[in-house]
């Protein structure tokens, strides 16, 4: 269980950082990532969070020319590791993925904490965590000649017996590249050292001996420190890190900082840690990247938004900080980011008109479905197990309405059902499914199926399906032959309980499913999500 307490971040911004408790100064060894220091600026930059709406844990950012590139944890959803770009750190466009097709051959699941870094050699590297087939968690690396890819996987760099996660590239005071990472000791009830070890010139292997920078020693840090991000400022390396419990309704995540004159230490933890904690809007801020822009310093990190919590997931937020007279970072607005809210994403629709599926669609990373786009239709090939073939999109709000049109539902082959679903993982979903002359609301919980409501399948060449979510975990299901007059399937006033849907480290997706023999195909037209406050 402790192993699963590694949080990724999709920072949601505007967090208050009133200290949870002071920790004694600790001198240790650690590494930090280099960044330019800009002229100080007195006026804070207005920020509306989240800047990355939806499930974007452990966000990372790097600058290439006048463009910023970001990525984030994808965990057990594929494609692996989103690629986003921005010119101002606040408005982002999803343009692809580090691994858009098959995941790296050496790994099977838990694709966490990708750290994107445009290196001095002109290449862009992504240092990432994944579960090694037949082994434990390890840090791997991929490289590309351009930040948008294509990326070539270079394999794992380090995988300790207790697991290795959260790799970060930083150059020391002599310009030598180092990998900084966390040993995942909390997975076996041990401390969590932060290590540093020199990287080879081609970034494909570690050389020399590893050095411990520091570990969890302060009370507020709980059973772990993780997610290192290093910058250089005013003659010091500063290592920002996350600590305590990352995920779920009971999370206790917060952000601390340590500094050192040399990358390998000794490191001194700030006696006013944690420097970034929850406020009324954002909960459990942590695991991000510090970066400077136009004289302003920011951290792009993840946090849960009050009212959506684990149902939407850890969203990406941007929090600004300055440097105190004593040389330590201090987050603005009483140790937090102003809590202005970004405009709610309105209607998101897909007409399936292109030749390829939009990059916002995802699937279970171990069970990529077979699908095709043709004549404005999404054609999804069924599968007989693991909840069927599934394609989903991240939810962006705790309140939304999703609709799609299933074509020729009465013509689905025997043993086949298809429809609309709220997706937690392959073992947990709530679905509105047509097939075998019936229309059913089905609950799949821990791999066991239960029918919540049922009616006769309406006749006609198409059937409009609708799912409505209220508060992240209260679901209603309806159908319509014409898309105008809707009939609810659950009794009046009743909703389906979706509190079981989100895994410990992910938000809920909403999308389409097809269950049955692999010879069967279901066709869908137009998918739409309307988000609400």
Protein backbone atom coordinates (compact mmCIF):
# COMPACT_ATOMS: atom_id res chain seq x y z
CA UNK A 1 0.00 0.00 0.00
CA UNK A 2 2.82 2.37 0.83
CA UNK A 3 4.21 1.76 -2.63
CA UNK A 4 1.05 3.21 -4.01
CA UNK A 5 1.49 6.35 -1.97
CA UNK A 6 3.64 7.83 -4.64
CA UNK A 7 1.78 10.84 -5.83
CA UNK A 8 2.05 12.23 -9.21
CA UNK A 9 1.03 15.72 -9.85
CA UNK A 10 -1.11 17.60 -12.15
CA UNK A 11 -0.90 20.76 -10.20
CA UNK A 12 -3.93 22.89 -9.89
CA UNK A 13 -2.55 26.15 -8.53
CA UNK A 14 -3.51 28.71 -5.93
CA UNK A 15 -2.47 26.93 -2.81
CA UNK A 16 -1.87 28.39 0.58
CA UNK A 17 1.32 27.39 2.29
CA UNK A 18 0.97 28.23 5.94
CA UNK A 19 3.52 25.96 7.63
CA UNK A 20 2.23 22.70 9.04
CA UNK A 21 5.09 22.68 11.47
CA UNK A 22 8.70 23.71 11.57
CA UNK A 23 11.43 21.20 10.89
CA UNK A 24 14.96 21.45 12.17
CA UNK A 25 17.63 22.41 9.68
CA UNK A 26 19.11 19.26 8.26
CA UNK A 27 22.37 19.20 6.37
CA UNK A 28 22.52 16.57 3.72
CA UNK A 29 23.44 15.99 0.13
CA UNK A 30 21.09 16.58 -2.78
CA UNK A 31 20.85 17.75 -6.34
CA UNK A 32 19.16 20.55 -8.09
CA UNK A 33 18.14 21.56 -11.59
CA UNK A 34 19.63 24.57 -13.31
CA UNK A 35 17.50 27.56 -14.20
CA UNK A 36 18.14 31.13 -15.21
CA UNK A 37 17.62 33.78 -12.59
CA UNK A 38 15.67 36.78 -13.79
CA UNK A 39 15.42 40.31 -12.48
CA UNK A 40 13.17 40.51 -9.43
CA UNK A 41 9.60 41.59 -10.04
CA UNK A 42 7.39 43.10 -7.36
CA UNK A 43 3.96 42.67 -8.95
CA UNK A 44 2.55 39.11 -9.00
CA UNK A 45 1.28 37.75 -12.29
CA UNK A 46 -2.48 37.11 -12.38
CA UNK A 47 -3.02 33.34 -12.62
CA UNK A 48 -6.30 31.49 -13.09
CA UNK A 49 -6.06 27.83 -12.14
CA UNK A 50 -6.13 25.07 -13.13
CA UNK A 51 -3.86 25.76 -16.08
CA UNK A 52 -4.06 22.05 -16.93
CA UNK A 53 -7.69 21.07 -16.36
CA UNK A 54 -8.25 17.36 -15.77
CA UNK A 55 -6.04 14.55 -14.57
CA UNK A 56 -2.43 15.81 -14.92
CA UNK A 57 -0.44 14.53 -11.93
CA UNK A 58 3.27 15.25 -11.49
CA UNK A 59 3.53 17.87 -14.22
CA UNK A 60 6.94 18.80 -15.56
CA UNK A 61 7.95 21.73 -17.77
CA UNK A 62 10.97 22.86 -19.79
CA UNK A 63 11.64 25.82 -22.09
CA UNK A 64 12.78 25.51 -25.70
CA UNK A 65 13.22 28.90 -27.36
CA UNK A 66 10.06 30.91 -26.69
CA UNK A 67 7.91 27.81 -26.12
CA UNK A 68 7.30 25.85 -22.94
CA UNK A 69 6.78 22.10 -23.13
CA UNK A 70 5.08 20.06 -20.43
CA UNK A 71 4.20 16.46 -19.67
CA UNK A 72 2.61 14.60 -16.77
CA UNK A 73 1.87 11.20 -15.27
CA UNK A 74 -0.41 9.00 -17.38
CA UNK A 75 -0.26 6.01 -14.99
CA UNK A 76 -2.31 3.14 -16.40
CA UNK A 77 -3.89 5.13 -19.21
CA UNK A 78 -2.44 5.20 -22.70
CA UNK A 79 -1.14 6.85 -24.80
CA UNK A 80 1.80 7.29 -22.46
CA UNK A 81 2.81 10.74 -21.18
CA UNK A 82 0.98 13.70 -22.76
CA UNK A 83 2.94 16.42 -24.53
CA UNK A 84 1.63 19.97 -24.18
CA UNK A 85 2.98 23.32 -25.32
CA UNK A 86 2.48 26.94 -24.26
CA UNK A 87 4.00 30.38 -24.75
CA UNK A 88 2.99 31.77 -21.35
CA UNK A 89 2.80 28.81 -18.91
CA UNK A 90 -0.94 29.38 -18.49
CA UNK A 91 -2.59 28.42 -21.77
CA UNK A 92 -1.68 24.93 -22.94
CA UNK A 93 -2.38 22.83 -26.01
CA UNK A 94 -2.24 19.03 -25.99
CA UNK A 95 -0.28 18.14 -29.13
CA UNK A 96 0.67 14.49 -28.68
CA UNK A 97 2.37 11.95 -26.44
CA UNK A 98 5.89 10.79 -25.66
CA UNK A 99 4.87 7.23 -26.55
CA UNK A 100 1.78 7.61 -28.78
CA UNK A 101 1.60 3.94 -29.75
CA UNK A 102 3.01 1.02 -27.82
CA UNK A 103 4.51 1.57 -24.39
CA UNK A 104 8.24 0.82 -23.88
CA UNK A 105 8.92 -2.90 -24.15
CA UNK A 106 10.70 -3.12 -20.79
CA UNK A 107 7.74 -1.78 -18.78
CA UNK A 108 4.15 -2.83 -18.25
CA UNK A 109 2.28 -0.27 -16.11
CA UNK A 110 2.49 2.66 -13.64
CA UNK A 111 3.89 5.24 -16.04
CA UNK A 112 4.60 8.01 -13.57
CA UNK A 113 6.41 11.31 -13.12
CA UNK A 114 7.94 12.09 -16.54
CA UNK A 115 10.51 14.87 -16.22
CA UNK A 116 10.98 16.70 -19.52
CA UNK A 117 14.32 18.45 -19.96
CA UNK A 118 15.81 20.29 -22.92
CA UNK A 119 19.48 19.56 -22.40
CA UNK A 120 22.57 21.56 -23.26
CA UNK A 121 23.38 19.04 -26.02
CA UNK A 122 20.29 20.18 -27.95
CA UNK A 123 18.23 17.05 -27.32
CA UNK A 124 15.07 16.80 -25.26
CA UNK A 125 15.00 14.02 -22.67
CA UNK A 126 12.11 12.57 -20.70
CA UNK A 127 13.17 10.75 -17.53
CA UNK A 128 10.21 8.68 -16.38
CA UNK A 129 9.11 6.01 -13.92
CA UNK A 130 7.51 2.70 -14.87
CA UNK A 131 7.03 -0.78 -13.46
CA UNK A 132 9.64 -3.11 -14.91
CA UNK A 133 8.30 -6.38 -16.30
CA UNK A 134 9.13 -9.07 -13.77
CA UNK A 135 10.67 -6.48 -11.43
CA UNK A 136 9.89 -3.31 -9.55
CA UNK A 137 9.60 0.41 -10.26
CA UNK A 138 12.49 1.87 -12.25
CA UNK A 139 13.56 5.16 -13.83
CA UNK A 140 13.90 5.08 -17.61
CA UNK A 141 14.76 7.68 -20.24
CA UNK A 142 13.67 8.60 -23.76
CA UNK A 143 15.17 11.19 -26.09
CA UNK A 144 14.15 13.23 -29.12
CA UNK A 145 15.81 15.72 -31.46
CA UNK A 146 12.78 18.00 -31.02
CA UNK A 147 10.55 18.46 -27.98
CA UNK A 148 7.48 17.36 -29.94
CA UNK A 149 9.19 14.07 -30.79
CA UNK A 150 9.33 11.44 -32.04
CA UNK A 151 10.93 10.00 -28.89
CA UNK A 152 13.19 6.97 -28.81
CA UNK A 153 13.17 4.94 -25.62
CA UNK A 154 16.67 4.34 -24.21
CA UNK A 155 15.59 1.88 -21.53
CA UNK A 156 15.85 1.85 -17.73
CA UNK A 157 18.64 3.65 -15.85
CA UNK A 158 18.11 2.52 -12.26
CA UNK A 159 15.78 0.07 -10.52
CA UNK A 160 16.63 -0.61 -6.88
CA UNK A 161 15.13 -3.60 -5.03
CA UNK A 162 12.64 -1.33 -3.21
CA UNK A 163 11.91 0.61 -6.39
CA UNK A 164 13.28 3.81 -7.96
CA UNK A 165 11.04 6.69 -9.06
CA UNK A 166 10.95 10.42 -9.92
CA UNK A 167 14.09 10.85 -12.03
CA UNK A 168 15.32 14.41 -12.62
CA UNK A 169 18.27 15.67 -14.72
CA UNK A 170 20.49 18.36 -13.22
CA UNK A 171 23.97 19.64 -14.01
CA UNK A 172 26.35 20.21 -11.12
CA UNK A 173 28.55 23.25 -10.51
CA UNK A 174 31.08 21.84 -13.00
CA UNK A 175 28.52 21.23 -15.73
CA UNK A 176 28.39 17.45 -15.25
CA UNK A 177 24.95 15.85 -15.76
CA UNK A 178 23.41 13.98 -12.83
CA UNK A 179 20.29 11.95 -12.35
CA UNK A 180 18.43 12.70 -9.11
CA UNK A 181 15.80 10.23 -7.98
CA UNK A 182 13.92 8.81 -5.02
CA UNK A 183 14.40 5.33 -3.63
CA UNK A 184 10.86 4.08 -3.02
CA UNK A 185 11.46 2.89 0.54
CA UNK A 186 7.96 3.82 1.68
CA UNK A 187 6.71 0.83 -0.34
CA UNK A 188 8.32 -1.43 2.26
CA UNK A 189 7.99 0.82 5.33
CA UNK A 190 11.50 2.26 5.02
CA UNK A 191 12.85 5.82 4.65
CA UNK A 192 13.01 7.39 1.19
CA UNK A 193 16.51 8.65 0.31
CA UNK A 194 16.93 11.13 -2.52
CA UNK A 195 19.96 10.00 -4.54
CA UNK A 196 22.20 11.61 -7.15
CA UNK A 197 24.53 9.86 -9.58
CA UNK A 198 26.39 11.08 -12.63
CA UNK A 199 24.97 10.34 -16.07
CA UNK A 200 27.01 9.26 -19.07
CA UNK A 201 27.42 11.76 -21.91
CA UNK A 202 24.75 9.98 -23.96
CA UNK A 203 22.39 9.85 -20.93
CA UNK A 204 21.96 6.08 -21.29
CA UNK A 205 23.60 4.89 -18.07
CA UNK A 206 24.71 5.95 -14.59
CA UNK A 207 28.43 6.11 -13.86
CA UNK A 208 30.44 6.35 -10.65
CA UNK A 209 28.93 6.10 -7.20
CA UNK A 210 25.57 7.38 -6.06
CA UNK A 211 25.35 9.99 -3.29
CA UNK A 212 22.48 10.45 -0.87
CA UNK A 213 21.29 14.04 -0.74
CA UNK A 214 18.72 13.72 2.04
CA UNK A 215 15.75 11.65 3.19
CA UNK A 216 12.52 12.10 5.13
CA UNK A 217 13.50 13.26 8.62
CA UNK A 218 11.01 16.04 9.51
CA UNK A 219 7.65 15.29 11.12
CA UNK A 220 5.65 17.06 8.38
CA UNK A 221 7.29 14.87 5.71
CA UNK A 222 5.62 11.72 7.02
CA UNK A 223 6.77 8.50 5.40
CA UNK A 224 8.31 9.96 2.25
CA UNK A 225 10.03 12.73 0.34
CA UNK A 226 9.81 12.59 -3.47
CA UNK A 227 9.37 14.49 -6.72
CA UNK A 228 12.67 16.45 -6.72
CA UNK A 229 12.97 19.56 -8.91
CA UNK A 230 16.19 21.57 -8.83
CA UNK A 231 17.02 25.12 -9.90
CA UNK A 232 20.11 27.26 -9.40
CA UNK A 233 19.71 30.75 -7.96
CA UNK A 234 21.95 33.22 -6.15
CA UNK A 235 24.86 30.82 -5.70
CA UNK A 236 22.75 27.91 -4.41
CA UNK A 237 21.09 24.84 -5.77
CA UNK A 238 17.48 24.70 -4.57
CA UNK A 239 15.72 21.36 -4.48
CA UNK A 240 11.92 21.53 -4.28
CA UNK A 241 10.31 18.30 -3.13
CA UNK A 242 6.95 16.83 -2.13
CA UNK A 243 6.30 14.93 1.07
CA UNK A 244 3.65 12.90 2.93
CA UNK A 245 0.56 11.28 1.34
CA UNK A 246 -0.05 12.16 -2.29
CA UNK A 247 -3.42 10.88 -3.21
CA UNK A 248 -7.09 10.40 -2.49
CA UNK A 249 -9.55 12.11 -0.15
CA UNK A 250 -7.23 11.69 2.84
CA UNK A 251 -4.11 13.09 1.14
CA UNK A 252 -1.60 15.13 3.17
CA UNK A 253 0.79 16.24 0.41
CA UNK A 254 2.75 19.48 0.71
CA UNK A 255 5.91 21.04 -0.73
CA UNK A 256 9.26 21.74 0.90
CA UNK A 257 12.66 23.01 -0.21
CA UNK A 258 16.33 22.44 0.61
CA UNK A 259 19.47 24.17 -0.67
CA UNK A 260 23.17 23.51 -1.11
CA UNK A 261 26.24 25.26 -2.54
CA UNK A 262 27.20 22.10 -4.41
CA UNK A 263 24.90 19.64 -6.06
CA UNK A 264 26.11 16.73 -3.97
CA UNK A 265 25.65 18.68 -0.77
CA UNK A 266 25.65 19.15 2.07
CA UNK A 267 21.95 20.03 1.85
CA UNK A 268 20.07 22.22 4.28
CA UNK A 269 16.30 21.93 4.60
CA UNK A 270 14.40 25.19 5.09
CA UNK A 271 13.33 25.62 8.72
CA UNK A 272 9.99 27.07 7.56
CA UNK A 273 8.99 24.03 5.54
CA UNK A 274 6.49 23.21 4.17
CA UNK A 275 6.38 26.26 1.92
CA UNK A 276 3.25 25.26 -0.03
CA UNK A 277 0.18 23.62 1.52
CA UNK A 278 -3.57 23.44 0.95
CA UNK A 279 -6.09 26.26 1.06
CA UNK A 280 -9.86 26.47 0.59
CA UNK A 281 -9.63 25.85 -3.17
CA UNK A 282 -6.66 23.53 -3.72
CA UNK A 283 -5.66 20.50 -1.67
CA UNK A 284 -2.40 18.54 -1.44
CA UNK A 285 -0.15 20.63 -3.74
CA UNK A 286 3.10 19.06 -4.79
CA UNK A 287 5.36 17.27 -7.25
CA UNK A 288 6.11 19.88 -9.86
CA UNK A 289 8.84 21.80 -11.66
CA UNK A 290 10.18 25.21 -10.74
CA UNK A 291 10.78 27.53 -13.68
CA UNK A 292 11.50 31.23 -14.30
CA UNK A 293 9.80 33.44 -16.88
CA UNK A 294 10.32 37.17 -17.41
CA UNK A 295 11.70 37.71 -13.93
CA UNK A 296 8.87 35.75 -12.27
CA UNK A 297 9.36 32.34 -10.66
CA UNK A 298 6.70 29.65 -10.72
CA UNK A 299 6.07 26.07 -9.86
CA UNK A 300 3.90 24.00 -12.17
CA UNK A 301 2.57 21.28 -9.87
CA UNK A 302 -0.56 19.27 -9.20
CA UNK A 303 -3.33 19.57 -6.62
CA UNK A 304 -6.89 18.43 -6.03
CA UNK A 305 -9.65 21.00 -6.48
CA UNK A 306 -12.19 21.27 -3.68
CA UNK A 307 -15.47 19.77 -4.84
CA UNK A 308 -13.97 17.43 -7.42
CA UNK A 309 -11.12 15.77 -5.54
CA UNK A 310 -10.17 12.31 -6.77
CA UNK A 311 -13.06 12.10 -9.28
CA UNK A 312 -11.43 14.60 -11.66
CA UNK A 313 -7.94 13.81 -10.37
CA UNK A 314 -4.89 15.88 -9.64
CA UNK A 315 -4.99 18.91 -11.91
CA UNK A 316 -2.12 21.06 -13.12
CA UNK A 317 -1.77 24.38 -11.32
CA UNK A 318 0.70 27.23 -11.52
CA UNK A 319 1.86 28.90 -8.30
CA UNK A 320 4.18 31.93 -8.22
CA UNK A 321 6.95 32.47 -5.67
CA UNK A 322 9.61 35.07 -4.90
CA UNK A 323 12.94 34.96 -3.09
CA UNK A 324 13.24 36.28 0.45
CA UNK A 325 16.09 38.46 1.69
CA UNK A 326 17.62 35.35 3.24
CA UNK A 327 17.56 33.61 -0.11
CA UNK A 328 14.67 31.17 0.35
CA UNK A 329 11.62 30.80 -1.93
CA UNK A 330 8.30 32.11 -0.64
CA UNK A 331 4.98 31.53 -2.39
CA UNK A 332 2.80 34.60 -2.88
CA UNK A 333 -0.52 35.55 -1.29
CA UNK A 334 0.28 34.46 2.24
CA UNK A 335 2.42 31.57 1.07
CA UNK A 336 0.02 30.50 -1.66
CA UNK A 337 -1.26 31.41 -5.08
CA UNK A 338 -4.31 33.66 -5.52
CA UNK A 339 -7.39 31.48 -5.78
CA UNK A 340 -8.90 32.95 -8.95
CA UNK A 341 -10.63 30.20 -10.91
CA UNK A 342 -10.00 29.52 -14.58
CA UNK A 343 -13.08 29.58 -16.81
CA UNK A 344 -14.88 26.25 -16.72
CA UNK A 345 -14.23 24.29 -19.93
CA UNK A 346 -17.60 24.37 -21.68
CA UNK A 347 -18.65 21.93 -24.38
CA UNK A 348 -16.05 19.48 -25.66
CA UNK A 349 -17.17 17.59 -28.76
CA UNK A 350 -15.68 15.11 -31.21
CA UNK A 351 -17.32 14.53 -34.59
CA UNK A 352 -14.85 11.74 -35.48
CA UNK A 353 -14.28 13.58 -38.75
CA UNK A 354 -10.51 13.24 -39.01
CA UNK A 355 -8.26 10.42 -40.06
CA UNK A 356 -6.88 9.92 -36.55
CA UNK A 357 -8.37 9.99 -33.08
CA UNK A 358 -7.93 13.24 -31.14
CA UNK A 359 -5.01 13.07 -28.63
CA UNK A 360 -7.36 13.61 -25.67
CA UNK A 361 -8.75 10.06 -26.07
CA UNK A 362 -7.21 7.40 -23.81
CA UNK A 363 -7.37 3.67 -23.20
CA UNK A 364 -6.17 1.18 -20.56
CA UNK A 365 -2.42 1.04 -21.11
CA UNK A 366 -2.26 -2.77 -20.97
CA UNK A 367 -5.28 -3.30 -23.23
CA UNK A 368 -5.16 -0.94 -26.20
CA UNK A 369 -8.38 -1.44 -28.18
CA UNK A 370 -8.72 -1.80 -31.92
CA UNK A 371 -10.60 1.11 -33.49
CA UNK A 372 -10.96 3.06 -36.72
CA UNK A 373 -12.45 6.34 -37.94
CA UNK A 374 -14.54 6.18 -41.07
CA UNK A 375 -17.18 8.51 -42.53
CA UNK A 376 -17.64 10.42 -39.29
CA UNK A 377 -17.93 7.28 -37.22
CA UNK A 378 -15.80 5.74 -34.49
CA UNK A 379 -15.76 1.99 -35.05
CA UNK A 380 -14.70 0.16 -31.89
CA UNK A 381 -13.88 -3.55 -31.97
CA UNK A 382 -15.28 -5.43 -28.98
CA UNK A 383 -13.37 -7.56 -26.52
CA UNK A 384 -14.80 -10.30 -24.30
CA UNK A 385 -13.03 -9.56 -21.01
CA UNK A 386 -11.71 -6.79 -18.74
CA UNK A 387 -14.91 -4.78 -19.04
CA UNK A 388 -14.73 -4.79 -22.83
CA UNK A 389 -12.83 -2.48 -25.18
CA UNK A 390 -12.82 1.07 -23.80
CA UNK A 391 -11.92 4.54 -25.04
CA UNK A 392 -12.30 7.45 -22.63
CA UNK A 393 -11.56 11.11 -22.13
CA UNK A 394 -10.46 12.69 -18.84
CA UNK A 395 -13.25 14.44 -16.98
CA UNK A 396 -12.66 18.16 -16.43
CA UNK A 397 -15.29 18.89 -13.78
CA UNK A 398 -17.27 17.11 -11.09
CA UNK A 399 -20.52 18.01 -12.87
CA UNK A 400 -20.99 17.15 -16.53
CA UNK A 401 -23.27 15.62 -19.14
CA UNK A 402 -21.83 13.24 -21.76
CA UNK A 403 -23.71 12.02 -24.82
CA UNK A 404 -23.03 9.88 -27.87
CA UNK A 405 -24.98 8.12 -30.61
CA UNK A 406 -24.77 4.35 -31.01
CA UNK A 407 -25.58 3.24 -34.57
CA UNK A 408 -27.71 0.18 -35.35
CA UNK A 409 -27.82 -1.14 -31.78
CA UNK A 410 -30.33 -3.86 -32.71
CA UNK A 411 -27.84 -5.22 -35.27
CA UNK A 412 -25.03 -5.86 -32.80
CA UNK A 413 -23.86 -9.49 -33.08
CA UNK A 414 -25.02 -12.04 -30.53
CA UNK A 415 -23.23 -11.70 -27.20
CA UNK A 416 -22.26 -8.08 -27.90
CA UNK A 417 -23.19 -4.94 -25.97
CA UNK A 418 -21.98 -1.39 -26.53
CA UNK A 419 -22.58 2.04 -25.11
CA UNK A 420 -21.50 4.93 -22.90
CA UNK A 421 -19.55 4.58 -19.65
CA UNK A 422 -17.88 6.29 -16.71
CA UNK A 423 -14.52 4.51 -16.48
CA UNK A 424 -12.32 4.02 -13.43
CA UNK A 425 -10.18 1.15 -14.70
CA UNK A 426 -10.84 -2.18 -16.50
CA UNK A 427 -12.40 -3.62 -13.32
CA UNK A 428 -14.56 -0.65 -12.32
CA UNK A 429 -17.10 1.21 -14.42
CA UNK A 430 -20.71 2.36 -14.71
CA UNK A 431 -22.15 1.78 -18.18
CA UNK A 432 -25.28 2.31 -20.27
CA UNK A 433 -25.18 -0.68 -22.65
CA UNK A 434 -27.35 -1.77 -25.58
CA UNK A 435 -27.50 -5.31 -26.95
CA UNK A 436 -29.51 -8.54 -27.08
CA UNK A 437 -32.76 -6.58 -27.22
CA UNK A 438 -32.07 -4.76 -23.95
CA UNK A 439 -30.79 -1.45 -22.69
CA UNK A 440 -29.11 -1.80 -19.29
CA UNK A 441 -27.34 0.26 -16.67
CA UNK A 442 -24.51 -1.95 -15.44
CA UNK A 443 -22.14 -1.58 -12.52
CA UNK A 444 -18.75 -3.29 -12.83
CA UNK A 445 -17.17 -3.23 -9.37
CA UNK A 446 -13.95 -5.12 -8.63
CA UNK A 447 -14.59 -7.17 -11.76
CA UNK A 448 -18.12 -8.22 -10.75
CA UNK A 449 -21.10 -7.10 -12.83
CA UNK A 450 -24.49 -6.03 -11.46
CA UNK A 451 -27.48 -4.72 -13.44
CA UNK A 452 -28.93 -1.55 -11.88
CA UNK A 453 -31.73 -0.90 -14.39
CA UNK A 454 -33.09 -2.43 -17.59
CA UNK A 455 -35.60 -1.76 -20.37
CA UNK A 456 -36.48 -3.04 -23.83
CA UNK A 457 -34.12 -1.77 -26.51
CA UNK A 458 -35.96 0.86 -28.60
CA UNK A 459 -36.24 0.18 -32.31
CA UNK A 460 -34.48 2.42 -34.78
CA UNK A 461 -31.25 2.92 -36.73
CA UNK A 462 -29.61 4.94 -33.95
CA UNK A 463 -29.89 5.43 -30.21
CA UNK A 464 -28.73 8.51 -28.33
CA UNK A 465 -27.17 7.73 -24.94
CA UNK A 466 -26.56 10.11 -22.02
CA UNK A 467 -24.75 9.96 -18.69
CA UNK A 468 -24.92 12.81 -16.18
CA UNK A 469 -22.58 13.16 -13.22
CA UNK A 470 -23.31 15.33 -10.20
CA UNK A 471 -20.62 16.01 -7.63
CA UNK A 472 -18.21 13.48 -9.11
CA UNK A 473 -19.96 10.33 -7.93
CA UNK A 474 -23.74 10.56 -8.52
CA UNK A 475 -24.67 9.22 -11.96
CA UNK A 476 -27.88 9.21 -13.97
CA UNK A 477 -28.44 7.47 -17.32
CA UNK A 478 -30.92 8.21 -20.11
CA UNK A 479 -31.66 7.35 -23.74
CA UNK A 480 -33.43 8.97 -26.66
CA UNK A 481 -34.42 7.74 -30.15
CA UNK A 482 -34.18 11.28 -31.57
CA UNK A 483 -31.74 13.16 -29.29
CA UNK A 484 -34.47 15.50 -28.04
CA UNK A 485 -36.82 13.56 -25.76
CA UNK A 486 -34.97 11.65 -23.06
CA UNK A 487 -36.07 8.75 -20.87
CA UNK A 488 -34.30 8.08 -17.57
CA UNK A 489 -33.51 4.46 -16.71
CA UNK A 490 -33.01 4.76 -12.96
CA UNK A 491 -36.09 5.43 -10.81
CA UNK A 492 -36.92 9.08 -10.20
CA UNK A 493 -34.69 10.66 -7.59
CA UNK A 494 -32.19 7.80 -7.63
CA UNK A 495 -28.59 7.89 -8.82
CA UNK A 496 -25.89 5.29 -9.27
CA UNK A 497 -23.07 5.51 -6.74
CA UNK A 498 -19.75 6.11 -8.49
CA UNK A 499 -17.61 6.59 -5.39
CA UNK A 500 -15.83 3.28 -6.12
CA UNK A 501 -14.69 4.32 -9.61
CA UNK A 502 -11.42 6.26 -9.25
CA UNK A 503 -8.24 4.27 -8.57
CA UNK A 504 -5.98 5.62 -5.83
CA UNK A 505 -3.84 7.63 -8.27
CA UNK A 506 -6.21 8.58 -11.11
CA UNK A 507 -9.38 10.47 -11.97
CA UNK A 508 -12.43 9.10 -13.77
CA UNK A 509 -12.75 9.00 -17.57
CA UNK A 510 -15.95 9.06 -19.59
CA UNK A 511 -16.20 7.35 -22.95
CA UNK A 512 -17.44 4.43 -25.03
CA UNK A 513 -17.22 0.67 -24.55
CA UNK A 514 -17.86 -2.48 -26.60
CA UNK A 515 -18.13 -5.89 -24.94
CA UNK A 516 -18.27 -9.19 -26.78
CA UNK A 517 -16.35 -11.32 -29.29
CA UNK A 518 -13.40 -9.73 -31.06
CA UNK A 519 -15.25 -10.28 -34.36
CA UNK A 520 -17.86 -7.67 -33.37
CA UNK A 521 -17.67 -3.91 -33.97
CA UNK A 522 -19.78 -1.08 -32.55
CA UNK A 523 -20.15 2.23 -34.39
CA UNK A 524 -20.56 5.62 -32.68
CA UNK A 525 -21.27 9.11 -34.00
CA UNK A 526 -20.41 12.34 -32.20
CA UNK A 527 -19.27 12.32 -28.60
CA UNK A 528 -19.93 15.40 -26.48
CA UNK A 529 -19.25 16.48 -22.91
CA UNK A 530 -20.85 19.59 -21.42
CA UNK A 531 -19.06 20.67 -18.23
CA UNK A 532 -20.86 22.60 -15.51
CA UNK A 533 -19.88 24.48 -12.37
